[in-house]
N, C-alpha and C. Protein backbone atom coordinates (compact mmCIF):
# COMPACT_ATOMS: atom_id res chain seq x y z
N MET A 1 25.65 46.13 15.79
CA MET A 1 25.59 45.15 16.85
C MET A 1 25.80 43.76 16.24
N ALA A 2 26.72 43.00 16.75
CA ALA A 2 27.03 41.67 16.26
C ALA A 2 26.13 40.64 16.94
N ILE A 3 25.77 39.61 16.18
CA ILE A 3 24.94 38.54 16.72
C ILE A 3 25.84 37.46 17.27
N ASP A 4 25.53 37.03 18.49
CA ASP A 4 26.31 35.98 19.12
C ASP A 4 25.79 34.63 18.64
N THR A 5 26.55 33.93 17.80
CA THR A 5 26.13 32.65 17.25
C THR A 5 26.58 31.46 18.10
N SER A 6 27.27 31.71 19.18
CA SER A 6 27.74 30.61 20.02
C SER A 6 26.65 30.07 20.94
N LYS A 7 25.59 30.88 21.16
CA LYS A 7 24.50 30.45 22.03
C LYS A 7 23.28 30.12 21.17
N PRO A 8 22.54 29.08 21.54
CA PRO A 8 21.33 28.75 20.79
C PRO A 8 20.26 29.82 20.98
N VAL A 9 19.45 30.02 19.96
CA VAL A 9 18.37 30.99 20.02
C VAL A 9 17.19 30.35 20.74
N MET A 10 16.67 31.01 21.72
CA MET A 10 15.53 30.51 22.47
C MET A 10 14.28 31.25 22.01
N LEU A 11 13.25 30.47 21.63
CA LEU A 11 12.00 31.07 21.19
C LEU A 11 10.92 30.80 22.23
N SER A 12 10.03 31.77 22.37
CA SER A 12 8.90 31.55 23.26
C SER A 12 7.93 30.59 22.58
N SER A 13 6.98 30.05 23.35
CA SER A 13 6.02 29.12 22.77
C SER A 13 5.19 29.81 21.69
N GLN A 14 4.90 31.09 21.85
CA GLN A 14 4.15 31.86 20.84
C GLN A 14 4.98 31.96 19.56
N GLU A 15 6.26 32.25 19.70
CA GLU A 15 7.13 32.37 18.52
C GLU A 15 7.29 31.02 17.81
N LYS A 16 7.37 29.93 18.58
CA LYS A 16 7.47 28.60 17.98
C LYS A 16 6.21 28.27 17.19
N ALA A 17 5.05 28.57 17.76
CA ALA A 17 3.78 28.30 17.08
C ALA A 17 3.67 29.13 15.80
N GLU A 18 4.09 30.40 15.86
CA GLU A 18 4.05 31.26 14.66
C GLU A 18 4.99 30.73 13.58
N ARG A 19 6.18 30.29 14.00
CA ARG A 19 7.15 29.76 13.05
C ARG A 19 6.62 28.48 12.39
N GLU A 20 6.04 27.57 13.19
CA GLU A 20 5.49 26.34 12.64
C GLU A 20 4.35 26.61 11.67
N GLN A 21 3.50 27.59 12.01
CA GLN A 21 2.40 27.95 11.11
C GLN A 21 2.95 28.54 9.81
N PHE A 22 4.00 29.36 9.90
CA PHE A 22 4.63 29.94 8.71
C PHE A 22 5.18 28.84 7.81
N VAL A 23 5.85 27.85 8.41
CA VAL A 23 6.42 26.74 7.64
C VAL A 23 5.32 25.93 6.97
N ARG A 24 4.23 25.64 7.70
CA ARG A 24 3.10 24.90 7.12
C ARG A 24 2.50 25.65 5.93
N ASP A 25 2.27 26.97 6.12
CA ASP A 25 1.70 27.78 5.04
C ASP A 25 2.63 27.82 3.83
N PHE A 26 3.93 27.96 4.09
CA PHE A 26 4.90 27.99 2.99
C PHE A 26 4.90 26.67 2.24
N ASN A 27 4.89 25.56 2.97
CA ASN A 27 4.88 24.24 2.33
C ASN A 27 3.62 24.02 1.51
N LEU A 28 2.48 24.48 2.01
CA LEU A 28 1.23 24.33 1.26
C LEU A 28 1.25 25.16 -0.01
N LYS A 29 1.86 26.34 0.04
CA LYS A 29 1.93 27.19 -1.15
C LYS A 29 2.86 26.59 -2.21
N THR A 30 3.98 26.05 -1.77
CA THR A 30 4.95 25.52 -2.72
C THR A 30 4.58 24.15 -3.25
N SER A 31 3.87 23.35 -2.46
CA SER A 31 3.49 22.01 -2.87
C SER A 31 2.15 21.65 -2.24
N PRO A 32 1.05 22.18 -2.81
CA PRO A 32 -0.25 21.99 -2.16
C PRO A 32 -0.76 20.56 -2.16
N THR A 33 -0.31 19.72 -3.09
CA THR A 33 -0.84 18.36 -3.16
C THR A 33 -0.01 17.36 -2.38
N ARG A 34 1.14 17.76 -1.93
CA ARG A 34 2.03 16.83 -1.21
C ARG A 34 1.49 16.59 0.19
N GLN A 35 1.42 15.32 0.56
CA GLN A 35 0.94 14.92 1.87
C GLN A 35 2.13 14.45 2.70
N ALA A 36 2.08 14.73 3.99
CA ALA A 36 3.13 14.26 4.89
C ALA A 36 3.08 12.74 4.97
N GLN A 37 4.25 12.12 4.98
CA GLN A 37 4.33 10.67 5.07
C GLN A 37 4.94 10.27 6.40
N GLN A 38 4.48 9.13 6.91
CA GLN A 38 5.02 8.62 8.15
C GLN A 38 6.10 7.56 7.88
N ASN A 39 6.14 7.03 6.67
CA ASN A 39 7.09 5.97 6.33
C ASN A 39 8.14 6.49 5.36
N LEU A 40 9.35 6.00 5.53
CA LEU A 40 10.41 6.36 4.60
C LEU A 40 10.43 5.36 3.46
N GLY A 41 10.66 5.85 2.27
CA GLY A 41 10.74 4.99 1.11
C GLY A 41 12.16 4.86 0.62
N ARG A 42 12.29 4.24 -0.52
CA ARG A 42 13.60 3.98 -1.12
C ARG A 42 14.34 5.28 -1.40
N ASP A 43 13.64 6.26 -1.98
CA ASP A 43 14.29 7.53 -2.32
C ASP A 43 14.75 8.27 -1.08
N ASP A 44 13.93 8.22 -0.02
CA ASP A 44 14.32 8.88 1.23
C ASP A 44 15.57 8.23 1.81
N PHE A 45 15.62 6.90 1.75
CA PHE A 45 16.78 6.18 2.28
C PHE A 45 18.05 6.59 1.52
N LEU A 46 17.95 6.66 0.19
CA LEU A 46 19.12 7.05 -0.61
C LEU A 46 19.55 8.49 -0.32
N LYS A 47 18.58 9.39 -0.15
CA LYS A 47 18.91 10.78 0.16
C LYS A 47 19.66 10.89 1.48
N ILE A 48 19.18 10.14 2.47
CA ILE A 48 19.86 10.17 3.77
C ILE A 48 21.27 9.63 3.66
N LEU A 49 21.43 8.52 2.94
CA LEU A 49 22.76 7.93 2.78
C LEU A 49 23.70 8.88 2.04
N ILE A 50 23.23 9.50 0.98
CA ILE A 50 24.07 10.44 0.21
C ILE A 50 24.43 11.64 1.07
N THR A 51 23.46 12.13 1.85
CA THR A 51 23.74 13.27 2.74
C THR A 51 24.79 12.90 3.77
N GLN A 52 24.67 11.70 4.33
CA GLN A 52 25.68 11.24 5.30
C GLN A 52 27.07 11.21 4.66
N LEU A 53 27.14 10.67 3.45
CA LEU A 53 28.44 10.57 2.78
C LEU A 53 28.98 11.95 2.41
N SER A 54 28.09 12.87 2.02
CA SER A 54 28.52 14.21 1.60
C SER A 54 29.06 15.03 2.77
N TYR A 55 28.47 14.86 3.93
CA TYR A 55 28.83 15.70 5.07
C TYR A 55 29.67 14.99 6.12
N GLN A 56 30.21 13.84 5.78
CA GLN A 56 31.02 13.15 6.77
C GLN A 56 32.36 13.87 6.96
N ASP A 57 32.90 13.70 8.11
CA ASP A 57 34.19 14.31 8.45
C ASP A 57 35.28 13.57 7.69
N PRO A 58 36.05 14.28 6.82
CA PRO A 58 37.09 13.59 6.04
C PRO A 58 38.19 12.97 6.91
N THR A 59 38.36 13.50 8.11
CA THR A 59 39.37 12.93 8.99
C THR A 59 38.85 11.70 9.73
N ASN A 60 37.53 11.51 9.70
CA ASN A 60 36.92 10.37 10.38
C ASN A 60 35.77 9.85 9.51
N PRO A 61 36.09 9.25 8.37
CA PRO A 61 35.03 8.81 7.46
C PRO A 61 34.21 7.66 8.04
N MET A 62 33.07 7.44 7.43
CA MET A 62 32.18 6.36 7.85
C MET A 62 32.93 5.04 7.76
N GLN A 63 32.74 4.23 8.76
CA GLN A 63 33.41 2.93 8.78
C GLN A 63 32.79 2.00 7.73
N ASP A 64 33.60 1.07 7.22
CA ASP A 64 33.12 0.13 6.22
C ASP A 64 31.91 -0.66 6.72
N LYS A 65 31.97 -1.08 7.97
CA LYS A 65 30.89 -1.89 8.54
C LYS A 65 29.56 -1.12 8.53
N GLU A 66 29.62 0.17 8.89
CA GLU A 66 28.41 0.99 8.90
C GLU A 66 27.84 1.12 7.49
N PHE A 67 28.72 1.38 6.54
CA PHE A 67 28.29 1.56 5.16
C PHE A 67 27.67 0.27 4.61
N ILE A 68 28.32 -0.85 4.87
CA ILE A 68 27.82 -2.14 4.40
C ILE A 68 26.47 -2.45 5.05
N ALA A 69 26.32 -2.13 6.33
CA ALA A 69 25.05 -2.37 7.03
C ALA A 69 23.94 -1.53 6.41
N GLN A 70 24.24 -0.27 6.10
CA GLN A 70 23.22 0.58 5.49
C GLN A 70 22.85 0.11 4.09
N MET A 71 23.83 -0.34 3.33
CA MET A 71 23.53 -0.85 1.99
C MET A 71 22.72 -2.14 2.07
N ALA A 72 22.99 -2.97 3.08
CA ALA A 72 22.20 -4.19 3.27
C ALA A 72 20.76 -3.83 3.62
N GLN A 73 20.57 -2.81 4.45
CA GLN A 73 19.22 -2.36 4.77
C GLN A 73 18.50 -1.87 3.53
N PHE A 74 19.21 -1.14 2.69
CA PHE A 74 18.62 -0.64 1.46
C PHE A 74 18.24 -1.80 0.54
N SER A 75 19.11 -2.77 0.42
CA SER A 75 18.83 -3.94 -0.41
C SER A 75 17.60 -4.69 0.11
N THR A 76 17.51 -4.83 1.42
CA THR A 76 16.35 -5.51 2.02
C THR A 76 15.08 -4.72 1.74
N LEU A 77 15.14 -3.41 1.85
CA LEU A 77 13.98 -2.56 1.56
C LEU A 77 13.53 -2.76 0.12
N GLU A 78 14.46 -2.79 -0.82
CA GLU A 78 14.14 -2.99 -2.23
C GLU A 78 13.48 -4.35 -2.45
N GLN A 79 14.02 -5.38 -1.83
CA GLN A 79 13.45 -6.72 -1.99
C GLN A 79 12.05 -6.80 -1.40
N MET A 80 11.83 -6.18 -0.26
CA MET A 80 10.51 -6.21 0.36
C MET A 80 9.50 -5.44 -0.48
N THR A 81 9.92 -4.34 -1.07
CA THR A 81 9.02 -3.58 -1.95
C THR A 81 8.64 -4.42 -3.15
N GLY A 82 9.61 -5.10 -3.74
CA GLY A 82 9.34 -5.96 -4.88
C GLY A 82 8.42 -7.11 -4.51
N MET A 83 8.64 -7.70 -3.34
CA MET A 83 7.79 -8.80 -2.90
C MET A 83 6.36 -8.34 -2.68
N ALA A 84 6.18 -7.15 -2.12
CA ALA A 84 4.83 -6.63 -1.88
C ALA A 84 4.09 -6.45 -3.20
N LYS A 85 4.79 -5.93 -4.20
CA LYS A 85 4.16 -5.77 -5.53
C LYS A 85 3.80 -7.12 -6.12
N ASP A 86 4.71 -8.09 -5.98
CA ASP A 86 4.44 -9.43 -6.52
C ASP A 86 3.27 -10.10 -5.80
N PHE A 87 3.18 -9.92 -4.48
CA PHE A 87 2.06 -10.49 -3.74
C PHE A 87 0.74 -9.87 -4.16
N ASN A 88 0.74 -8.56 -4.43
CA ASN A 88 -0.48 -7.91 -4.91
C ASN A 88 -0.91 -8.48 -6.26
N LYS A 89 0.06 -8.70 -7.15
CA LYS A 89 -0.25 -9.30 -8.45
C LYS A 89 -0.81 -10.71 -8.26
N LEU A 90 -0.17 -11.49 -7.41
CA LEU A 90 -0.59 -12.86 -7.17
C LEU A 90 -2.01 -12.90 -6.59
N THR A 91 -2.30 -12.03 -5.66
CA THR A 91 -3.64 -11.96 -5.08
C THR A 91 -4.67 -11.64 -6.15
N SER A 92 -4.34 -10.73 -7.03
CA SER A 92 -5.25 -10.36 -8.12
C SER A 92 -5.49 -11.54 -9.05
N ILE A 93 -4.44 -12.26 -9.39
CA ILE A 93 -4.56 -13.42 -10.28
C ILE A 93 -5.40 -14.51 -9.63
N ILE A 94 -5.14 -14.79 -8.36
CA ILE A 94 -5.90 -15.83 -7.66
C ILE A 94 -7.38 -15.45 -7.57
N SER A 95 -7.65 -14.19 -7.25
CA SER A 95 -9.03 -13.74 -7.13
C SER A 95 -9.75 -13.85 -8.46
N GLY A 96 -9.07 -13.46 -9.55
CA GLY A 96 -9.67 -13.57 -10.89
C GLY A 96 -9.90 -15.01 -11.29
N SER A 97 -8.95 -15.87 -10.97
CA SER A 97 -9.07 -17.29 -11.29
C SER A 97 -10.21 -17.92 -10.50
N GLU A 98 -10.29 -17.57 -9.24
CA GLU A 98 -11.35 -18.10 -8.39
C GLU A 98 -12.72 -17.67 -8.91
N ALA A 99 -12.85 -16.41 -9.28
CA ALA A 99 -14.12 -15.92 -9.80
C ALA A 99 -14.46 -16.61 -11.13
N SER A 100 -13.46 -16.77 -12.00
CA SER A 100 -13.70 -17.42 -13.29
C SER A 100 -14.15 -18.86 -13.13
N SER A 101 -13.66 -19.54 -12.11
CA SER A 101 -14.04 -20.94 -11.91
C SER A 101 -15.48 -21.08 -11.44
N MET A 102 -16.12 -19.98 -11.12
CA MET A 102 -17.50 -20.02 -10.64
C MET A 102 -18.52 -19.91 -11.77
N LEU A 103 -18.08 -19.79 -13.02
CA LEU A 103 -19.02 -19.71 -14.14
C LEU A 103 -19.96 -20.91 -14.12
N GLY A 104 -21.26 -20.63 -14.18
CA GLY A 104 -22.26 -21.69 -14.18
C GLY A 104 -22.63 -22.20 -12.80
N LYS A 105 -21.93 -21.77 -11.77
CA LYS A 105 -22.22 -22.22 -10.40
C LYS A 105 -23.29 -21.31 -9.78
N ASN A 106 -24.02 -21.88 -8.84
CA ASN A 106 -24.99 -21.11 -8.07
C ASN A 106 -24.27 -20.48 -6.89
N VAL A 107 -24.53 -19.19 -6.66
CA VAL A 107 -23.88 -18.47 -5.58
C VAL A 107 -24.91 -17.72 -4.75
N GLU A 108 -24.47 -17.36 -3.56
CA GLU A 108 -25.27 -16.51 -2.69
C GLU A 108 -24.36 -15.35 -2.31
N LEU A 109 -24.87 -14.14 -2.46
CA LEU A 109 -24.06 -12.96 -2.15
C LEU A 109 -24.91 -11.94 -1.42
N VAL A 110 -24.23 -10.98 -0.79
CA VAL A 110 -24.92 -9.94 -0.04
C VAL A 110 -24.75 -8.63 -0.78
N GLU A 111 -25.89 -7.98 -1.07
CA GLU A 111 -25.92 -6.66 -1.70
C GLU A 111 -26.69 -5.75 -0.75
N LYS A 112 -25.98 -4.82 -0.13
CA LYS A 112 -26.55 -3.96 0.92
C LYS A 112 -27.11 -4.86 2.02
N ASP A 113 -28.41 -4.87 2.25
CA ASP A 113 -28.98 -5.71 3.30
C ASP A 113 -29.72 -6.92 2.75
N GLN A 114 -29.59 -7.17 1.45
CA GLN A 114 -30.32 -8.26 0.82
C GLN A 114 -29.37 -9.40 0.45
N VAL A 115 -29.91 -10.61 0.53
CA VAL A 115 -29.18 -11.79 0.08
C VAL A 115 -29.69 -12.10 -1.32
N VAL A 116 -28.77 -12.24 -2.26
CA VAL A 116 -29.12 -12.53 -3.66
C VAL A 116 -28.59 -13.92 -3.99
N GLN A 117 -29.43 -14.73 -4.63
CA GLN A 117 -29.00 -16.05 -5.09
C GLN A 117 -29.20 -16.13 -6.59
N GLY A 118 -28.28 -16.82 -7.25
CA GLY A 118 -28.41 -17.00 -8.69
C GLY A 118 -27.20 -17.71 -9.25
N THR A 119 -27.24 -17.87 -10.56
CA THR A 119 -26.16 -18.55 -11.28
C THR A 119 -25.21 -17.51 -11.86
N VAL A 120 -23.90 -17.77 -11.73
CA VAL A 120 -22.89 -16.86 -12.30
C VAL A 120 -22.92 -17.04 -13.82
N GLN A 121 -23.26 -15.95 -14.53
CA GLN A 121 -23.40 -15.99 -15.97
C GLN A 121 -22.17 -15.45 -16.71
N ALA A 122 -21.43 -14.56 -16.04
CA ALA A 122 -20.23 -13.98 -16.66
C ALA A 122 -19.29 -13.49 -15.56
N VAL A 123 -18.02 -13.33 -15.91
CA VAL A 123 -17.00 -12.85 -14.96
C VAL A 123 -16.11 -11.86 -15.69
N THR A 124 -15.81 -10.72 -15.04
CA THR A 124 -14.84 -9.78 -15.60
C THR A 124 -13.48 -10.07 -14.99
N ARG A 125 -12.44 -9.75 -15.72
CA ARG A 125 -11.08 -9.94 -15.23
C ARG A 125 -10.60 -8.66 -14.58
N GLY A 126 -9.50 -8.74 -13.90
CA GLY A 126 -8.91 -7.54 -13.32
C GLY A 126 -8.63 -7.72 -11.85
N GLU A 127 -8.22 -6.63 -11.22
CA GLU A 127 -7.85 -6.66 -9.82
C GLU A 127 -9.04 -6.98 -8.92
N ASN A 128 -10.20 -6.44 -9.27
CA ASN A 128 -11.43 -6.69 -8.52
C ASN A 128 -12.47 -7.27 -9.46
N PRO A 129 -12.48 -8.59 -9.65
CA PRO A 129 -13.39 -9.20 -10.62
C PRO A 129 -14.85 -8.99 -10.23
N LEU A 130 -15.68 -8.84 -11.25
CA LEU A 130 -17.11 -8.73 -11.08
C LEU A 130 -17.76 -9.97 -11.65
N ILE A 131 -18.87 -10.39 -11.04
CA ILE A 131 -19.61 -11.54 -11.56
C ILE A 131 -21.02 -11.08 -11.93
N LEU A 132 -21.54 -11.65 -13.00
CA LEU A 132 -22.89 -11.34 -13.46
C LEU A 132 -23.84 -12.40 -12.91
N VAL A 133 -24.77 -11.97 -12.06
CA VAL A 133 -25.76 -12.86 -11.45
C VAL A 133 -27.12 -12.21 -11.62
N ASN A 134 -28.07 -12.93 -12.20
CA ASN A 134 -29.43 -12.43 -12.40
C ASN A 134 -29.46 -11.10 -13.15
N GLY A 135 -28.54 -10.92 -14.08
CA GLY A 135 -28.52 -9.71 -14.91
C GLY A 135 -27.82 -8.52 -14.31
N ASP A 136 -27.26 -8.63 -13.10
CA ASP A 136 -26.55 -7.52 -12.45
C ASP A 136 -25.12 -7.95 -12.11
N PHE A 137 -24.19 -6.99 -12.19
CA PHE A 137 -22.81 -7.27 -11.83
C PHE A 137 -22.60 -6.99 -10.35
N TYR A 138 -21.87 -7.89 -9.70
CA TYR A 138 -21.54 -7.77 -8.28
C TYR A 138 -20.04 -8.00 -8.12
N ASN A 139 -19.50 -7.39 -7.07
CA ASN A 139 -18.10 -7.59 -6.75
C ASN A 139 -17.91 -9.01 -6.23
N TRP A 140 -16.84 -9.67 -6.66
CA TRP A 140 -16.57 -11.05 -6.25
C TRP A 140 -16.49 -11.17 -4.73
N ASN A 141 -16.04 -10.13 -4.05
CA ASN A 141 -15.90 -10.16 -2.59
C ASN A 141 -17.24 -10.23 -1.87
N GLN A 142 -18.34 -9.97 -2.58
CA GLN A 142 -19.66 -10.02 -1.96
C GLN A 142 -20.20 -11.44 -1.84
N VAL A 143 -19.58 -12.40 -2.51
CA VAL A 143 -20.05 -13.79 -2.49
C VAL A 143 -19.79 -14.38 -1.11
N ILE A 144 -20.86 -14.99 -0.54
CA ILE A 144 -20.70 -15.61 0.79
C ILE A 144 -20.82 -17.13 0.72
N LYS A 145 -21.50 -17.66 -0.33
CA LYS A 145 -21.64 -19.11 -0.48
C LYS A 145 -21.57 -19.47 -1.96
N VAL A 146 -21.04 -20.65 -2.23
CA VAL A 146 -21.02 -21.22 -3.58
C VAL A 146 -21.62 -22.62 -3.46
N PHE A 147 -22.58 -22.92 -4.33
CA PHE A 147 -23.26 -24.21 -4.29
C PHE A 147 -22.82 -25.06 -5.48
N ALA A 148 -22.63 -26.34 -5.22
CA ALA A 148 -22.28 -27.26 -6.30
C ALA A 148 -23.50 -27.46 -7.19
N ASP A 149 -23.25 -27.68 -8.48
CA ASP A 149 -24.34 -28.00 -9.39
C ASP A 149 -24.94 -29.33 -8.96
N GLU A 150 -26.21 -29.51 -9.23
CA GLU A 150 -26.86 -30.75 -8.82
C GLU A 150 -26.24 -31.95 -9.52
N LYS A 151 -25.84 -31.78 -10.77
CA LYS A 151 -25.24 -32.91 -11.48
C LYS A 151 -23.85 -33.25 -10.93
N GLU A 152 -23.19 -32.26 -10.27
CA GLU A 152 -21.86 -32.50 -9.70
C GLU A 152 -21.93 -33.04 -8.29
N SER A 153 -23.06 -32.87 -7.61
CA SER A 153 -23.13 -33.30 -6.22
C SER A 153 -23.13 -34.82 -6.13
N VAL A 154 -22.60 -35.31 -5.06
CA VAL A 154 -22.48 -36.75 -4.87
C VAL A 154 -23.83 -37.29 -4.42
N LYS A 155 -24.33 -38.29 -5.12
CA LYS A 155 -25.61 -38.90 -4.77
C LYS A 155 -25.32 -40.18 -4.00
N PRO A 156 -26.12 -40.44 -2.96
CA PRO A 156 -25.85 -41.64 -2.16
C PRO A 156 -26.11 -42.90 -2.99
N ALA A 157 -25.32 -43.90 -2.74
CA ALA A 157 -25.47 -45.18 -3.45
C ALA A 157 -26.71 -45.89 -2.95
N VAL A 158 -27.39 -46.60 -3.85
CA VAL A 158 -28.63 -47.30 -3.49
C VAL A 158 -28.34 -48.74 -3.19
């Protein structure tokens, strides 16, 4: 008996559910740590573009304008990815610099439900700087107030 390939195969909802479950199970077996992504990345964009070029109709190839537009999109994606990385670095540097400038300053910070006050005695560097206050390290993001030293504060003229 020959199979008629001119008509699409219609599956019942039960068969569709079984097929989807089979595909999920197969994917988990072959790549258990891979998580589904909602966003396309640089590699996905290149794969799509290469697939389009590989399977295009030789009698009707992709137009130059379409190809240039897709390459411009890819270039923009690359630039945005680079900018995001640079912004993350800049944020880290600013946060570390800000924390370092607090050495010797009096601060108020929140630890769980308690407010802690003290002088910043040390600062660690890195993406999430820690400050040493009253012998304990706290995350820089926990600081809610910074007080000027008394010698730095402006005294009214007499």
